[in-house]
Every structure is written in C-alpha cells, then in structure tokens.
Amino acid sequence: NTNGSQFFIMVADYPLQNKYTIFGRVISGQEVADAIAKSKTDSSDRPLSPVVMEKVTVSASDNQ
C-alpha cells in the first residue's frame, strides 16, 4: 500500500481541455460521489475534512 494515485470523478459537465484521459464511469455508488461533491471546501476548493476512499474497484468493460 505504498503507491498513490489521483483521479477525478466528475459529477457535472466540466471542460477538461484534453488534459486528462477518461477511463471509466461510476456504475455503483453514485450517491457516494454526490455526497463527496457536497463536501464543504475552503477557498482553494479543498475539502475542510479529509475525504477518503477506502475501496475503489476498476474493472474491464465488455462494451468496447
């Protein structure tokens, strides 16, 4: 558990200007993503309280 990663879960349309790769979609737990999006943030848009994802599963899709 020494590797870290950073990714974005978009809950609304937002122009990313081709700087990021879209690699998936939320198929379960959208209510969790919505709750995270409602977290209070500071002036730099960082959460006032830590937001921790304890488990995230990324799997291949049959829809190519």
PDB file of N, CA and C in Angstrom:
ATOM      1  N   ASN A   1       0.815  -1.205   0.000  1.00  0.00           N
ATOM      2  CA  ASN A   1       0.000   0.000   0.000  1.00  0.00           C
ATOM      3  C   ASN A   1       0.853   1.261   0.000  1.00  0.00           C
ATOM      4  N   THR A   2       1.892   1.280  -0.780  1.00  0.00           N
ATOM      5  CA  THR A   2       2.747   2.461  -0.818  1.00  0.00           C
ATOM      6  C   THR A   2       2.517   3.315  -2.056  1.00  0.00           C
ATOM      7  N   ASN A   3       1.781   2.815  -3.009  1.00  0.00           N
ATOM      8  CA  ASN A   3       1.536   3.574  -4.233  1.00  0.00           C
ATOM      9  C   ASN A   3       0.312   4.454  -4.064  1.00  0.00           C
ATOM     10  N   GLY A   4       0.380   5.630  -4.604  1.00  0.00           N
ATOM     11  CA  GLY A   4      -0.759   6.534  -4.574  1.00  0.00           C
ATOM     12  C   GLY A   4      -1.260   6.780  -5.979  1.00  0.00           C
ATOM     13  N   SER A   5      -2.430   7.342  -6.059  1.00  0.00           N
ATOM     14  CA  SER A   5      -2.968   7.693  -7.364  1.00  0.00           C
ATOM     15  C   SER A   5      -3.892   8.880  -7.197  1.00  0.00           C
ATOM     16  N   GLN A   6      -4.133   9.554  -8.272  1.00  0.00           N
ATOM     17  CA  GLN A   6      -5.054  10.677  -8.263  1.00  0.00           C
ATOM     18  C   GLN A   6      -5.950  10.537  -9.481  1.00  0.00           C
ATOM     19  N   PHE A   7      -7.234  10.716  -9.261  1.00  0.00           N
ATOM     20  CA  PHE A   7      -8.177  10.666 -10.365  1.00  0.00           C
ATOM     21  C   PHE A   7      -9.351  11.561 -10.016  1.00  0.00           C
ATOM     22  N   PHE A   8     -10.127  11.900 -10.995  1.00  0.00           N
ATOM     23  CA  PHE A   8     -11.282  12.765 -10.813  1.00  0.00           C
ATOM     24  C   PHE A   8     -12.543  11.975 -11.103  1.00  0.00           C
ATOM     25  N   ILE A   9     -13.541  12.159 -10.276  1.00  0.00           N
ATOM     26  CA  ILE A   9     -14.873  11.635 -10.554  1.00  0.00           C
ATOM     27  C   ILE A   9     -15.737  12.855 -10.817  1.00  0.00           C
ATOM     28  N   MET A  10     -16.145  13.003 -12.046  1.00  0.00           N
ATOM     29  CA  MET A  10     -16.925  14.178 -12.436  1.00  0.00           C
ATOM     30  C   MET A  10     -18.396  13.942 -12.108  1.00  0.00           C
ATOM     31  N   VAL A  11     -19.008  14.899 -11.421  1.00  0.00           N
ATOM     32  CA  VAL A  11     -20.430  14.798 -11.088  1.00  0.00           C
ATOM     33  C   VAL A  11     -21.256  15.813 -11.879  1.00  0.00           C
ATOM     34  N   ALA A  12     -20.583  16.563 -12.745  1.00  0.00           N
ATOM     35  CA  ALA A  12     -21.255  17.529 -13.615  1.00  0.00           C
ATOM     36  C   ALA A  12     -20.367  17.739 -14.839  1.00  0.00           C
ATOM     37  N   ASP A  13     -20.933  18.268 -15.908  1.00  0.00           N
ATOM     38  CA  ASP A  13     -20.145  18.578 -17.095  1.00  0.00           C
ATOM     39  C   ASP A  13     -19.106  19.638 -16.748  1.00  0.00           C
ATOM     40  N   TYR A  14     -17.891  19.440 -17.229  1.00  0.00           N
ATOM     41  CA  TYR A  14     -16.808  20.390 -16.977  1.00  0.00           C
ATOM     42  C   TYR A  14     -15.765  20.225 -18.078  1.00  0.00           C
ATOM     43  N   PRO A  15     -15.343  21.328 -18.696  1.00  0.00           N
ATOM     44  CA  PRO A  15     -14.361  21.218 -19.778  1.00  0.00           C
ATOM     45  C   PRO A  15     -12.972  20.894 -19.224  1.00  0.00           C
ATOM     46  N   LEU A  16     -12.407  19.771 -19.628  1.00  0.00           N
ATOM     47  CA  LEU A  16     -11.078  19.382 -19.154  1.00  0.00           C
ATOM     48  C   LEU A  16      -9.988  19.706 -20.174  1.00  0.00           C
ATOM     49  N   GLN A  17     -10.345  20.281 -21.287  1.00  0.00           N
ATOM     50  CA  GLN A  17      -9.417  20.779 -22.304  1.00  0.00           C
ATOM     51  C   GLN A  17      -8.393  19.730 -22.746  1.00  0.00           C
ATOM     52  N   ASN A  18      -8.837  18.483 -22.881  1.00  0.00           N
ATOM     53  CA  ASN A  18      -7.988  17.392 -23.375  1.00  0.00           C
ATOM     54  C   ASN A  18      -6.710  17.186 -22.569  1.00  0.00           C
ATOM     55  N   LYS A  19      -6.730  17.552 -21.286  1.00  0.00           N
ATOM     56  CA  LYS A  19      -5.554  17.361 -20.433  1.00  0.00           C
ATOM     57  C   LYS A  19      -5.631  16.061 -19.637  1.00  0.00           C
ATOM     58  N   TYR A  20      -6.763  15.394 -19.670  1.00  0.00           N
ATOM     59  CA  TYR A  20      -6.953  14.186 -18.872  1.00  0.00           C
ATOM     60  C   TYR A  20      -7.592  13.098 -19.728  1.00  0.00           C
ATOM     61  N   THR A  21      -7.350  11.863 -19.367  1.00  0.00           N
ATOM     62  CA  THR A  21      -7.917  10.726 -20.077  1.00  0.00           C
ATOM     63  C   THR A  21      -9.149  10.225 -19.345  1.00  0.00           C
ATOM     64  N   ILE A  22     -10.240  10.078 -20.056  1.00  0.00           N
ATOM     65  CA  ILE A  22     -11.451   9.497 -19.482  1.00  0.00           C
ATOM     66  C   ILE A  22     -11.294   7.987 -19.565  1.00  0.00           C
ATOM     67  N   PHE A  23     -11.360   7.316 -18.414  1.00  0.00           N
ATOM     68  CA  PHE A  23     -11.123   5.875 -18.442  1.00  0.00           C
ATOM     69  C   PHE A  23     -12.223   5.050 -17.805  1.00  0.00           C
ATOM     70  N   GLY A  24     -13.292   5.660 -17.395  1.00  0.00           N
ATOM     71  CA  GLY A  24     -14.338   4.846 -16.786  1.00  0.00           C
ATOM     72  C   GLY A  24     -15.571   5.651 -16.441  1.00  0.00           C
ATOM     73  N   ARG A  25     -16.470   4.975 -15.738  1.00  0.00           N
ATOM     74  CA  ARG A  25     -17.697   5.616 -15.282  1.00  0.00           C
ATOM     75  C   ARG A  25     -18.120   4.954 -13.979  1.00  0.00           C
ATOM     76  N   VAL A  26     -18.889   5.664 -13.198  1.00  0.00           N
ATOM     77  CA  VAL A  26     -19.404   5.114 -11.940  1.00  0.00           C
ATOM     78  C   VAL A  26     -20.579   4.210 -12.286  1.00  0.00           C
ATOM     79  N   ILE A  27     -20.490   2.943 -11.899  1.00  0.00           N
ATOM     80  CA  ILE A  27     -21.595   2.021 -12.169  1.00  0.00           C
ATOM     81  C   ILE A  27     -22.336   1.643 -10.896  1.00  0.00           C
ATOM     82  N   SER A  28     -21.752   1.967  -9.765  1.00  0.00           N
ATOM     83  CA  SER A  28     -22.374   1.675  -8.480  1.00  0.00           C
ATOM     84  C   SER A  28     -21.822   2.665  -7.468  1.00  0.00           C
ATOM     85  N   GLY A  29     -22.685   3.218  -6.634  1.00  0.00           N
ATOM     86  CA  GLY A  29     -22.219   4.141  -5.608  1.00  0.00           C
ATOM     87  C   GLY A  29     -22.256   5.604  -6.002  1.00  0.00           C
ATOM     88  N   GLN A  30     -23.058   5.949  -6.999  1.00  0.00           N
ATOM     89  CA  GLN A  30     -23.142   7.348  -7.415  1.00  0.00           C
ATOM     90  C   GLN A  30     -23.525   8.248  -6.250  1.00  0.00           C
ATOM     91  N   GLU A  31     -24.320   7.728  -5.315  1.00  0.00           N
ATOM     92  CA  GLU A  31     -24.720   8.534  -4.155  1.00  0.00           C
ATOM     93  C   GLU A  31     -23.503   8.914  -3.306  1.00  0.00           C
ATOM     94  N   VAL A  32     -22.485   8.083  -3.299  1.00  0.00           N
ATOM     95  CA  VAL A  32     -21.252   8.402  -2.568  1.00  0.00           C
ATOM     96  C   VAL A  32     -20.523   9.544  -3.274  1.00  0.00           C
ATOM     97  N   ALA A  33     -20.412   9.472  -4.589  1.00  0.00           N
ATOM     98  CA  ALA A  33     -19.781  10.546  -5.359  1.00  0.00           C
ATOM     99  C   ALA A  33     -20.531  11.856  -5.164  1.00  0.00           C
ATOM    100  N   ASP A  34     -21.852  11.799  -5.146  1.00  0.00           N
ATOM    101  CA  ASP A  34     -22.655  13.004  -4.933  1.00  0.00           C
ATOM    102  C   ASP A  34     -22.432  13.581  -3.539  1.00  0.00           C
ATOM    103  N   ALA A  35     -22.312  12.724  -2.527  1.00  0.00           N
ATOM    104  CA  ALA A  35     -22.063  13.189  -1.155  1.00  0.00           C
ATOM    105  C   ALA A  35     -20.687  13.842  -1.053  1.00  0.00           C
ATOM    106  N   ILE A  36     -19.692  13.252  -1.710  1.00  0.00           N
ATOM    107  CA  ILE A  36     -18.357  13.850  -1.717  1.00  0.00           C
ATOM    108  C   ILE A  36     -18.407  15.224  -2.382  1.00  0.00           C
ATOM    109  N   ALA A  37     -19.145  15.342  -3.471  1.00  0.00           N
ATOM    110  CA  ALA A  37     -19.254  16.613  -4.193  1.00  0.00           C
ATOM    111  C   ALA A  37     -19.885  17.701  -3.338  1.00  0.00           C
ATOM    112  N   LYS A  38     -20.695  17.318  -2.364  1.00  0.00           N
ATOM    113  CA  LYS A  38     -21.363  18.288  -1.495  1.00  0.00           C
ATOM    114  C   LYS A  38     -20.520  18.680  -0.283  1.00  0.00           C
ATOM    115  N   SER A  39     -19.318  18.112  -0.149  1.00  0.00           N
ATOM    116  CA  SER A  39     -18.448  18.426   0.988  1.00  0.00           C
ATOM    117  C   SER A  39     -18.108  19.910   1.001  1.00  0.00           C
ATOM    118  N   LYS A  40     -18.072  20.485   2.183  1.00  0.00           N
ATOM    119  CA  LYS A  40     -17.674  21.889   2.318  1.00  0.00           C
ATOM    120  C   LYS A  40     -16.188  22.008   2.001  1.00  0.00           C
ATOM    121  N   THR A  41     -15.825  23.088   1.284  1.00  0.00           N
ATOM    122  CA  THR A  41     -14.443  23.289   0.858  1.00  0.00           C
ATOM    123  C   THR A  41     -13.940  24.669   1.268  1.00  0.00           C
ATOM    124  N   ASP A  42     -12.611  24.832   1.214  1.00  0.00           N
ATOM    125  CA  ASP A  42     -12.014  26.127   1.514  1.00  0.00           C
ATOM    126  C   ASP A  42     -11.943  26.964   0.236  1.00  0.00           C
ATOM    127  N   SER A  43     -11.262  28.094   0.311  1.00  0.00           N
ATOM    128  CA  SER A  43     -11.195  28.998  -0.841  1.00  0.00           C
ATOM    129  C   SER A  43     -10.407  28.407  -2.013  1.00  0.00           C
ATOM    130  N   SER A  44      -9.620  27.360  -1.758  1.00  0.00           N
ATOM    131  CA  SER A  44      -8.888  26.668  -2.826  1.00  0.00           C
ATOM    132  C   SER A  44      -9.637  25.442  -3.326  1.00  0.00           C
ATOM    133  N   ASP A  45     -10.880  25.281  -2.878  1.00  0.00           N
ATOM    134  CA  ASP A  45     -11.746  24.160  -3.253  1.00  0.00           C
ATOM    135  C   ASP A  45     -11.254  22.819  -2.713  1.00  0.00           C
ATOM    136  N   ARG A  46     -10.495  22.856  -1.620  1.00  0.00           N
ATOM    137  CA  ARG A  46     -10.066  21.626  -0.940  1.00  0.00           C
ATOM    138  C   ARG A  46     -11.044  21.334   0.189  1.00  0.00           C
ATOM    139  N   PRO A  47     -11.390  20.072   0.385  1.00  0.00           N
ATOM    140  CA  PRO A  47     -12.346  19.724   1.450  1.00  0.00           C
ATOM    141  C   PRO A  47     -11.849  20.165   2.827  1.00  0.00           C
ATOM    142  N   LEU A  48     -12.765  20.673   3.649  1.00  0.00           N
ATOM    143  CA  LEU A  48     -12.411  21.068   5.010  1.00  0.00           C
ATOM    144  C   LEU A  48     -12.099  19.854   5.870  1.00  0.00           C
ATOM    145  N   SER A  49     -12.756  18.749   5.595  1.00  0.00           N
ATOM    146  CA  SER A  49     -12.492  17.484   6.283  1.00  0.00           C
ATOM    147  C   SER A  49     -11.944  16.499   5.256  1.00  0.00           C
ATOM    148  N   PRO A  50     -11.019  15.628   5.662  1.00  0.00           N
ATOM    149  CA  PRO A  50     -10.461  14.665   4.704  1.00  0.00           C
ATOM    150  C   PRO A  50     -11.541  13.787   4.061  1.00  0.00           C
ATOM    151  N   VAL A  51     -11.400  13.556   2.778  1.00  0.00           N
ATOM    152  CA  VAL A  51     -12.273  12.641   2.043  1.00  0.00           C
ATOM    153  C   VAL A  51     -11.412  11.437   1.675  1.00  0.00           C
ATOM    154  N   VAL A  52     -11.802  10.271   2.153  1.00  0.00           N
ATOM    155  CA  VAL A  52     -11.007   9.065   1.942  1.00  0.00           C
ATOM    156  C   VAL A  52     -11.865   8.002   1.266  1.00  0.00           C
ATOM    157  N   MET A  53     -11.356   7.466   0.189  1.00  0.00           N
ATOM    158  CA  MET A  53     -11.997   6.317  -0.455  1.00  0.00           C
ATOM    159  C   MET A  53     -11.236   5.091   0.014  1.00  0.00           C
ATOM    160  N   GLU A  54     -11.894   4.230   0.749  1.00  0.00           N
ATOM    161  CA  GLU A  54     -11.225   3.052   1.286  1.00  0.00           C
ATOM    162  C   GLU A  54     -11.158   1.909   0.284  1.00  0.00           C
ATOM    163  N   LYS A  55     -12.069   1.898  -0.672  1.00  0.00           N
ATOM    164  CA  LYS A  55     -12.059   0.836  -1.674  1.00  0.00           C
ATOM    165  C   LYS A  55     -12.638   1.364  -2.981  1.00  0.00           C
ATOM    166  N   VAL A  56     -11.897   1.173  -4.049  1.00  0.00           N
ATOM    167  CA  VAL A  56     -12.346   1.519  -5.395  1.00  0.00           C
ATOM    168  C   VAL A  56     -12.004   0.332  -6.284  1.00  0.00           C
ATOM    169  N   THR A  57     -12.959  -0.104  -7.069  1.00  0.00           N
ATOM    170  CA  THR A  57     -12.721  -1.223  -7.973  1.00  0.00           C
ATOM    171  C   THR A  57     -12.787  -0.727  -9.406  1.00  0.00           C
ATOM    172  N   VAL A  58     -11.760  -1.017 -10.165  1.00  0.00           N
ATOM    173  CA  VAL A  58     -11.726  -0.692 -11.587  1.00  0.00           C
ATOM    174  C   VAL A  58     -11.728  -2.019 -12.327  1.00  0.00           C
ATOM    175  N   SER A  59     -12.683  -2.182 -13.233  1.00  0.00           N
ATOM    176  CA  SER A  59     -12.761  -3.442 -13.969  1.00  0.00           C
ATOM    177  C   SER A  59     -12.976  -3.172 -15.448  1.00  0.00           C
ATOM    178  N   ALA A  60     -12.606  -4.132 -16.256  1.00  0.00           N
ATOM    179  CA  ALA A  60     -12.773  -4.021 -17.699  1.00  0.00           C
ATOM    180  C   ALA A  60     -14.246  -4.114 -18.052  1.00  0.00           C
ATOM    181  N   SER A  61     -14.605  -3.431 -19.120  1.00  0.00           N
ATOM    182  CA  SER A  61     -15.980  -3.445 -19.595  1.00  0.00           C
ATOM    183  C   SER A  61     -16.075  -4.292 -20.856  1.00  0.00           C
ATOM    184  N   ASP A  62     -17.206  -4.948 -21.024  1.00  0.00           N
ATOM    185  CA  ASP A  62     -17.448  -5.686 -22.259  1.00  0.00           C
ATOM    186  C   ASP A  62     -17.888  -4.757 -23.381  1.00  0.00           C
ATOM    187  N   ASN A  63     -18.261  -3.512 -23.041  1.00  0.00           N
ATOM    188  CA  ASN A  63     -18.721  -2.531 -24.030  1.00  0.00           C
ATOM    189  C   ASN A  63     -17.507  -1.787 -24.569  1.00  0.00           C
ATOM    190  N   GLN A  64     -16.994  -2.198 -25.689  1.00  0.00           N
ATOM    191  CA  GLN A  64     -15.770  -1.605 -26.236  1.00  0.00           C
ATOM    192  C   GLN A  64     -16.099  -0.444 -27.121  1.00  0.00           C
TER     193      GLN A  64
END
